[in-house]
Amino acid sequence: MAQETLVYLTGSSDEMIAEQYEQCVELIEHRTDKSLGEGGKADHLRRLKRSAAVNVPIADDDKPDIRFVAERLDIDRDGETAGEVMSTAFGQGVGEMIVADAKPHIIQASQAYEYLRKVDKLTIASKRITIERGASPETIHRTMAAVKTRKTTRNDDEILKEQWSGGRPPVATEVIDGQLVKGDNYHDVRELIHRVVFDDLSKSEASRQIGCTRRTITNTINKRPDLFDIPQQ
């Protein structure tokens, strides 16, 4: 049986939990091509205010429910605490742990290292970055440092560079009002580039899937690592 996916949320208000929930759900819906629905989301958030955990089915018989765990620092709840729920889940086996962002109040590099001793991989939802078990403390610190605070335009396009000096924008990006922003396929392209850097995907195969040249892949890795959250040695 596939191991469980655990989504960890933490905050001191309904708004903080809801923001992290939305970021994690966006990733899950993108992966599964299934919508949880506005009614379902509202129900999950209400239940997460009353209790520490909610199991969310993803309509796939081959995969277990996704367990959302919310640590509330501002209220006392009956039943198990978030820490107790997570401890039980880790003991039963967690394949992936998802957090919304790498902001210090959500997760720090030292915590990420400890979690990766208990789960196979840790994913930062807002950045679509996954760190796998076995990563060194140095790699984890570099990766977490590469994850920057999310800035958006008025149309909610995520900004990579506040000012773009001109020239052709890098693959999977576009220029809007002088700012370099993520294109619609940015996260998919970044995932492929990360597989070239960290796994065994060839540049030829990545360029075929993206629809660009091998040289574009090479230039992106060597000249634009900051735009694609590639940790530097």
C-alpha atoms as a PDB file:
ATOM      1  CA  MET A   1       0.000   0.000   0.000  1.00  0.00           C
ATOM      2  CA  ALA A   2       1.217   3.497  -0.815  1.00  0.00           C
ATOM      3  CA  GLN A   3       2.421   5.527   2.133  1.00  0.00           C
ATOM      4  CA  GLU A   4       0.430   8.425   3.452  1.00  0.00           C
ATOM      5  CA  THR A   5       0.842  12.056   2.427  1.00  0.00           C
ATOM      6  CA  LEU A   6       0.801  14.472   5.365  1.00  0.00           C
ATOM      7  CA  VAL A   7       0.124  18.199   4.957  1.00  0.00           C
ATOM      8  CA  TYR A   8       1.328  20.321   7.879  1.00  0.00           C
ATOM      9  CA  LEU A   9      -0.209  23.733   8.614  1.00  0.00           C
ATOM     10  CA  THR A  10       0.644  25.994  11.537  1.00  0.00           C
ATOM     11  CA  GLY A  11      -0.525  29.419  12.629  1.00  0.00           C
ATOM     12  CA  SER A  12      -2.220  31.620  15.201  1.00  0.00           C
ATOM     13  CA  SER A  13      -5.319  32.651  13.227  1.00  0.00           C
ATOM     14  CA  ASP A  14      -7.922  31.311  10.819  1.00  0.00           C
ATOM     15  CA  GLU A  15      -6.399  33.458   8.079  1.00  0.00           C
ATOM     16  CA  MET A  16      -2.897  31.997   8.468  1.00  0.00           C
ATOM     17  CA  ILE A  17      -4.206  28.427   8.327  1.00  0.00           C
ATOM     18  CA  ALA A  18      -6.465  29.202   5.346  1.00  0.00           C
ATOM     19  CA  GLU A  19      -3.618  30.778   3.360  1.00  0.00           C
ATOM     20  CA  GLN A  20      -1.353  27.768   3.882  1.00  0.00           C
ATOM     21  CA  TYR A  21      -4.234  25.378   3.157  1.00  0.00           C
ATOM     22  CA  GLU A  22      -4.926  27.064  -0.191  1.00  0.00           C
ATOM     23  CA  GLN A  23      -1.267  26.873  -1.226  1.00  0.00           C
ATOM     24  CA  CYS A  24      -1.086  23.165  -0.414  1.00  0.00           C
ATOM     25  CA  VAL A  25      -4.432  22.361  -2.036  1.00  0.00           C
ATOM     26  CA  GLU A  26      -3.362  24.163  -5.215  1.00  0.00           C
ATOM     27  CA  LEU A  27      -0.410  21.780  -5.478  1.00  0.00           C
ATOM     28  CA  ILE A  28      -2.553  18.710  -4.744  1.00  0.00           C
ATOM     29  CA  GLU A  29      -5.179  19.688  -7.307  1.00  0.00           C
ATOM     30  CA  HIS A  30      -2.458  20.311  -9.888  1.00  0.00           C
ATOM     31  CA  ARG A  31      -0.959  16.869  -9.271  1.00  0.00           C
ATOM     32  CA  THR A  32      -4.210  14.916  -9.228  1.00  0.00           C
ATOM     33  CA  ASP A  33      -6.167  16.979 -11.758  1.00  0.00           C
ATOM     34  CA  LYS A  34      -9.064  16.856  -9.299  1.00  0.00           C
ATOM     35  CA  SER A  35     -10.817  19.706  -7.505  1.00  0.00           C
ATOM     36  CA  LEU A  36     -11.711  19.524  -3.831  1.00  0.00           C
ATOM     37  CA  GLY A  37     -14.508  22.043  -4.446  1.00  0.00           C
ATOM     38  CA  GLU A  38     -15.205  25.253  -2.555  1.00  0.00           C
ATOM     39  CA  GLY A  39     -17.688  23.507  -0.264  1.00  0.00           C
ATOM     40  CA  GLY A  40     -15.210  20.780   0.539  1.00  0.00           C
ATOM     41  CA  LYS A  41     -12.453  23.272   1.286  1.00  0.00           C
ATOM     42  CA  ALA A  42     -14.680  25.302   3.611  1.00  0.00           C
ATOM     43  CA  ASP A  43     -15.672  22.111   5.442  1.00  0.00           C
ATOM     44  CA  HIS A  44     -12.034  21.059   5.851  1.00  0.00           C
ATOM     45  CA  LEU A  45     -11.098  24.419   7.361  1.00  0.00           C
ATOM     46  CA  ARG A  46     -14.033  24.329   9.786  1.00  0.00           C
ATOM     47  CA  ARG A  47     -13.037  20.831  10.915  1.00  0.00           C
ATOM     48  CA  LEU A  48      -9.381  21.832  11.247  1.00  0.00           C
ATOM     49  CA  LYS A  49     -10.408  24.559  13.663  1.00  0.00           C
ATOM     50  CA  ARG A  50     -12.182  22.011  15.878  1.00  0.00           C
ATOM     51  CA  SER A  51      -9.626  19.206  15.653  1.00  0.00           C
ATOM     52  CA  ALA A  52      -5.972  18.776  14.788  1.00  0.00           C
ATOM     53  CA  ALA A  53      -6.390  16.605  11.696  1.00  0.00           C
ATOM     54  CA  VAL A  54      -8.670  15.932   8.735  1.00  0.00           C
ATOM     55  CA  ASN A  55      -8.334  13.087   6.244  1.00  0.00           C
ATOM     56  CA  VAL A  56      -9.151  14.181   2.690  1.00  0.00           C
ATOM     57  CA  PRO A  57      -9.959  11.521   0.056  1.00  0.00           C
ATOM     58  CA  ILE A  58      -8.586  12.121  -3.427  1.00  0.00           C
ATOM     59  CA  ALA A  59     -10.872   9.675  -5.272  1.00  0.00           C
ATOM     60  CA  ASP A  60      -8.132   7.187  -6.099  1.00  0.00           C
ATOM     61  CA  ASP A  61      -8.446   3.631  -4.797  1.00  0.00           C
ATOM     62  CA  ASP A  62      -4.708   3.060  -5.128  1.00  0.00           C
ATOM     63  CA  LYS A  63      -3.742   5.939  -2.864  1.00  0.00           C
ATOM     64  CA  PRO A  64      -4.554   6.655   0.796  1.00  0.00           C
ATOM     65  CA  ASP A  65      -6.323   9.800   1.909  1.00  0.00           C
ATOM     66  CA  ILE A  66      -4.239  12.918   2.380  1.00  0.00           C
ATOM     67  CA  ARG A  67      -3.988  13.866   6.040  1.00  0.00           C
ATOM     68  CA  PHE A  68      -4.099  17.588   6.821  1.00  0.00           C
ATOM     69  CA  VAL A  69      -2.699  18.467  10.250  1.00  0.00           C
ATOM     70  CA  ALA A  70      -3.184  21.981  11.617  1.00  0.00           C
ATOM     71  CA  GLU A  71      -1.286  23.243  14.642  1.00  0.00           C
ATOM     72  CA  ARG A  72      -3.164  26.160  16.201  1.00  0.00           C
ATOM     73  CA  LEU A  73      -1.060  28.310  18.504  1.00  0.00           C
ATOM     74  CA  ASP A  74      -3.998  30.503  19.549  1.00  0.00           C
ATOM     75  CA  ILE A  75      -6.690  28.040  20.677  1.00  0.00           C
ATOM     76  CA  ASP A  76      -7.068  24.883  22.767  1.00  0.00           C
ATOM     77  CA  ARG A  77      -8.851  21.926  21.167  1.00  0.00           C
ATOM     78  CA  ASP A  78     -10.157  18.646  22.511  1.00  0.00           C
ATOM     79  CA  GLY A  79      -8.591  15.385  21.418  1.00  0.00           C
ATOM     80  CA  GLU A  80      -5.136  14.714  20.036  1.00  0.00           C
ATOM     81  CA  THR A  81      -2.697  17.555  19.488  1.00  0.00           C
ATOM     82  CA  ALA A  82      -1.094  18.193  16.105  1.00  0.00           C
ATOM     83  CA  GLY A  83       2.177  16.842  17.466  1.00  0.00           C
ATOM     84  CA  GLU A  84       0.525  13.617  18.626  1.00  0.00           C
ATOM     85  CA  VAL A  85      -1.193  13.114  15.269  1.00  0.00           C
ATOM     86  CA  MET A  86       2.075  13.625  13.424  1.00  0.00           C
ATOM     87  CA  SER A  87       3.980  11.296  15.738  1.00  0.00           C
ATOM     88  CA  THR A  88       1.442   8.536  15.086  1.00  0.00           C
ATOM     89  CA  ALA A  89       1.552   9.166  11.337  1.00  0.00           C
ATOM     90  CA  PHE A  90       5.352   9.032  11.254  1.00  0.00           C
ATOM     91  CA  GLY A  91       5.235   5.738  13.127  1.00  0.00           C
ATOM     92  CA  GLN A  92       2.834   4.273  10.559  1.00  0.00           C
ATOM     93  CA  GLY A  93       4.831   5.584   7.600  1.00  0.00           C
ATOM     94  CA  VAL A  94       4.632   8.884   5.707  1.00  0.00           C
ATOM     95  CA  GLY A  95       5.807   8.979   2.119  1.00  0.00           C
ATOM     96  CA  GLU A  96       5.612  12.739   1.668  1.00  0.00           C
ATOM     97  CA  MET A  97       5.189  15.727   3.939  1.00  0.00           C
ATOM     98  CA  ILE A  98       3.921  18.971   2.407  1.00  0.00           C
ATOM     99  CA  VAL A  99       4.232  22.461   3.888  1.00  0.00           C
ATOM    100  CA  ALA A 100       2.961  25.661   2.320  1.00  0.00           C
ATOM    101  CA  ASP A 101       6.125  27.744   2.388  1.00  0.00           C
ATOM    102  CA  ALA A 102       9.626  27.924   3.831  1.00  0.00           C
ATOM    103  CA  LYS A 103       8.889  30.917   6.036  1.00  0.00           C
ATOM    104  CA  PRO A 104      10.526  30.574   9.471  1.00  0.00           C
ATOM    105  CA  HIS A 105       7.222  30.350  11.365  1.00  0.00           C
ATOM    106  CA  ILE A 106       6.235  27.328   9.227  1.00  0.00           C
ATOM    107  CA  ILE A 107       9.469  25.385   8.907  1.00  0.00           C
ATOM    108  CA  GLN A 108      13.196  25.982   9.358  1.00  0.00           C
ATOM    109  CA  ALA A 109      16.119  24.138   7.821  1.00  0.00           C
ATOM    110  CA  SER A 110      16.899  22.262  11.039  1.00  0.00           C
ATOM    111  CA  GLN A 111      13.289  21.078  11.250  1.00  0.00           C
ATOM    112  CA  ALA A 112      13.348  20.027   7.594  1.00  0.00           C
ATOM    113  CA  TYR A 113      16.399  17.887   8.293  1.00  0.00           C
ATOM    114  CA  GLU A 114      14.646  16.171  11.213  1.00  0.00           C
ATOM    115  CA  TYR A 115      11.467  15.568   9.204  1.00  0.00           C
ATOM    116  CA  LEU A 116      13.498  13.991   6.396  1.00  0.00           C
ATOM    117  CA  ARG A 117      14.671  11.355   8.841  1.00  0.00           C
ATOM    118  CA  LYS A 118      11.010  10.306   9.170  1.00  0.00           C
ATOM    119  CA  VAL A 119       9.554  10.829   5.666  1.00  0.00           C
ATOM    120  CA  ASP A 120      10.740  10.026   2.147  1.00  0.00           C
ATOM    121  CA  LYS A 121      10.393  13.567   0.841  1.00  0.00           C
ATOM    122  CA  LEU A 122       9.446  17.065   1.940  1.00  0.00           C
ATOM    123  CA  THR A 123       7.683  19.415  -0.479  1.00  0.00           C
ATOM    124  CA  ILE A 124       7.321  23.203  -0.235  1.00  0.00           C
ATOM    125  CA  ALA A 125       3.996  23.725  -1.992  1.00  0.00           C
ATOM    126  CA  SER A 126       4.223  27.389  -2.964  1.00  0.00           C
ATOM    127  CA  LYS A 127       7.541  26.808  -4.734  1.00  0.00           C
ATOM    128  CA  ARG A 128       6.894  23.238  -5.961  1.00  0.00           C
ATOM    129  CA  ILE A 129      10.264  22.220  -4.546  1.00  0.00           C
ATOM    130  CA  THR A 130      10.821  18.727  -3.144  1.00  0.00           C
ATOM    131  CA  ILE A 131      13.751  17.674  -0.949  1.00  0.00           C
ATOM    132  CA  GLU A 132      14.297  13.933  -0.623  1.00  0.00           C
ATOM    133  CA  ARG A 133      15.453  11.791   2.279  1.00  0.00           C
ATOM    134  CA  GLY A 134      19.230  11.550   2.398  1.00  0.00           C
ATOM    135  CA  ALA A 135      19.873  15.186   1.498  1.00  0.00           C
ATOM    136  CA  SER A 136      22.767  16.585   3.515  1.00  0.00           C
ATOM    137  CA  PRO A 137      22.207  19.391   6.049  1.00  0.00           C
ATOM    138  CA  GLU A 138      24.203  21.682   3.728  1.00  0.00           C
ATOM    139  CA  THR A 139      21.956  20.886   0.753  1.00  0.00           C
ATOM    140  CA  ILE A 140      18.839  21.459   2.833  1.00  0.00           C
ATOM    141  CA  HIS A 141      20.136  24.821   4.091  1.00  0.00           C
ATOM    142  CA  ARG A 142      21.036  25.940   0.550  1.00  0.00           C
ATOM    143  CA  THR A 143      17.659  24.858  -0.791  1.00  0.00           C
ATOM    144  CA  MET A 144      15.712  26.589   1.962  1.00  0.00           C
ATOM    145  CA  ALA A 145      17.773  29.743   1.484  1.00  0.00           C
ATOM    146  CA  ALA A 146      16.955  29.703  -2.227  1.00  0.00           C
ATOM    147  CA  VAL A 147      13.223  29.833  -1.525  1.00  0.00           C
ATOM    148  CA  LYS A 148      12.312  33.487  -1.556  1.00  0.00           C
ATOM    149  CA  THR A 149       9.262  35.326  -0.238  1.00  0.00           C
ATOM    150  CA  ARG A 150       6.481  35.243  -2.808  1.00  0.00           C
ATOM    151  CA  LYS A 151       5.797  38.585  -4.516  1.00  0.00           C
ATOM    152  CA  THR A 152       2.977  39.063  -7.004  1.00  0.00           C
ATOM    153  CA  THR A 153       1.607  41.652  -9.407  1.00  0.00           C
ATOM    154  CA  ARG A 154      -1.892  43.058  -9.049  1.00  0.00           C
ATOM    155  CA  ASN A 155      -3.072  40.222 -11.315  1.00  0.00           C
ATOM    156  CA  ASP A 156      -1.420  37.662  -8.979  1.00  0.00           C
ATOM    157  CA  ASP A 157       1.384  36.833 -11.408  1.00  0.00           C
ATOM    158  CA  GLU A 158       4.359  35.732  -9.319  1.00  0.00           C
ATOM    159  CA  ILE A 159       7.329  38.084  -9.727  1.00  0.00           C
ATOM    160  CA  LEU A 160      10.816  36.689 -10.267  1.00  0.00           C
ATOM    161  CA  LYS A 161      12.566  40.014 -10.922  1.00  0.00           C
ATOM    162  CA  GLU A 162      11.206  43.433  -9.969  1.00  0.00           C
ATOM    163  CA  GLN A 163      12.922  44.965 -12.994  1.00  0.00           C
ATOM    164  CA  TRP A 164      13.876  43.295 -16.257  1.00  0.00           C
ATOM    165  CA  SER A 165      16.529  45.184 -18.165  1.00  0.00           C
ATOM    166  CA  GLY A 166      15.506  43.917 -21.559  1.00  0.00           C
ATOM    167  CA  GLY A 167      16.276  41.076 -23.867  1.00  0.00           C
ATOM    168  CA  ARG A 168      14.512  37.789 -24.370  1.00  0.00           C
ATOM    169  CA  PRO A 169      13.068  36.433 -21.098  1.00  0.00           C
ATOM    170  CA  PRO A 170      14.227  32.995 -19.915  1.00  0.00           C
ATOM    171  CA  VAL A 171      12.222  29.866 -20.686  1.00  0.00           C
ATOM    172  CA  ALA A 172       8.859  29.624 -18.858  1.00  0.00           C
ATOM    173  CA  THR A 173       8.849  33.323 -17.948  1.00  0.00           C
ATOM    174  CA  GLU A 174       7.416  36.500 -19.440  1.00  0.00           C
ATOM    175  CA  VAL A 175       7.776  40.241 -19.001  1.00  0.00           C
ATOM    176  CA  ILE A 176       4.757  42.217 -17.795  1.00  0.00           C
ATOM    177  CA  ASP A 177       5.060  45.951 -17.132  1.00  0.00           C
ATOM    178  CA  GLY A 178       8.834  45.661 -16.948  1.00  0.00           C
ATOM    179  CA  GLN A 179       8.742  42.856 -14.374  1.00  0.00           C
ATOM    180  CA  LEU A 180       9.835  39.275 -15.023  1.00  0.00           C
ATOM    181  CA  VAL A 181       7.044  36.921 -13.937  1.00  0.00           C
ATOM    182  CA  LYS A 182       6.407  33.196 -14.010  1.00  0.00           C
ATOM    183  CA  GLY A 183       4.724  31.818 -17.106  1.00  0.00           C
ATOM    184  CA  ASP A 184       1.891  29.285 -17.022  1.00  0.00           C
ATOM    185  CA  ASN A 185       4.308  26.374 -17.444  1.00  0.00           C
ATOM    186  CA  TYR A 186       6.956  27.664 -15.012  1.00  0.00           C
ATOM    187  CA  HIS A 187       6.513  25.015 -12.313  1.00  0.00           C
ATOM    188  CA  ASP A 188       6.507  22.145 -14.816  1.00  0.00           C
ATOM    189  CA  VAL A 189       9.649  23.484 -16.496  1.00  0.00           C
ATOM    190  CA  ARG A 190      11.409  24.033 -13.174  1.00  0.00           C
ATOM    191  CA  GLU A 191      10.605  20.467 -12.135  1.00  0.00           C
ATOM    192  CA  LEU A 192      12.209  19.146 -15.336  1.00  0.00           C
ATOM    193  CA  ILE A 193      15.286  21.344 -14.847  1.00  0.00           C
ATOM    194  CA  HIS A 194      15.621  20.123 -11.256  1.00  0.00           C
ATOM    195  CA  ARG A 195      15.470  16.549 -12.534  1.00  0.00           C
ATOM    196  CA  VAL A 196      18.356  17.352 -14.882  1.00  0.00           C
ATOM    197  CA  VAL A 197      20.384  18.827 -12.014  1.00  0.00           C
ATOM    198  CA  PHE A 198      19.542  16.393  -9.228  1.00  0.00           C
ATOM    199  CA  ASP A 199      18.339  13.203 -10.922  1.00  0.00           C
ATOM    200  CA  ASP A 200      19.172  11.393 -14.144  1.00  0.00           C
ATOM    201  CA  LEU A 201      17.024  13.221 -16.707  1.00  0.00           C
ATOM    202  CA  SER A 202      19.080  14.106 -19.773  1.00  0.00           C
ATOM    203  CA  LYS A 203      19.193  17.615 -21.184  1.00  0.00           C
ATOM    204  CA  SER A 204      18.010  16.216 -24.514  1.00  0.00           C
ATOM    205  CA  GLU A 205      14.899  14.686 -22.965  1.00  0.00           C
ATOM    206  CA  ALA A 206      14.191  17.804 -20.905  1.00  0.00           C
ATOM    207  CA  SER A 207      14.526  20.034 -23.966  1.00  0.00           C
ATOM    208  CA  ARG A 208      12.182  17.726 -25.898  1.00  0.00           C
ATOM    209  CA  GLN A 209       9.510  17.898 -23.198  1.00  0.00           C
ATOM    210  CA  ILE A 210       9.847  21.656 -22.745  1.00  0.00           C
ATOM    211  CA  GLY A 211      10.131  22.434 -26.449  1.00  0.00           C
ATOM    212  CA  CYS A 212      13.474  24.237 -26.387  1.00  0.00           C
ATOM    213  CA  THR A 213      17.109  23.517 -27.229  1.00  0.00           C
ATOM    214  CA  ARG A 214      19.717  21.740 -25.093  1.00  0.00           C
ATOM    215  CA  ARG A 215      21.622  25.018 -25.026  1.00  0.00           C
ATOM    216  CA  THR A 216      18.629  26.695 -23.376  1.00  0.00           C
ATOM    217  CA  ILE A 217      18.689  24.068 -20.627  1.00  0.00           C
ATOM    218  CA  THR A 218      22.439  24.540 -20.131  1.00  0.00           C
ATOM    219  CA  ASN A 219      22.177  28.342 -20.028  1.00  0.00           C
ATOM    220  CA  THR A 220      19.270  28.174 -17.594  1.00  0.00           C
ATOM    221  CA  ILE A 221      21.235  25.979 -15.190  1.00  0.00           C
ATOM    222  CA  ASN A 222      24.512  27.898 -15.481  1.00  0.00           C
ATOM    223  CA  LYS A 223      23.327  31.480 -15.896  1.00  0.00           C
ATOM    224  CA  ARG A 224      19.851  31.639 -14.289  1.00  0.00           C
ATOM    225  CA  PRO A 225      19.963  29.311 -11.261  1.00  0.00           C
ATOM    226  CA  ASP A 226      18.395  31.944  -9.006  1.00  0.00           C
ATOM    227  CA  LEU A 227      15.266  32.103 -11.163  1.00  0.00           C
ATOM    228  CA  PHE A 228      14.641  28.377 -10.837  1.00  0.00           C
ATOM    229  CA  ASP A 229      15.651  27.858  -7.185  1.00  0.00           C
ATOM    230  CA  ILE A 230      18.740  25.815  -8.024  1.00  0.00           C
ATOM    231  CA  PRO A 231      21.020  25.770  -4.943  1.00  0.00           C
ATOM    232  CA  GLN A 232      24.570  26.901  -5.631  1.00  0.00           C
ATOM    233  CA  GLN A 233      27.635  25.139  -4.293  1.00  0.00           C
END
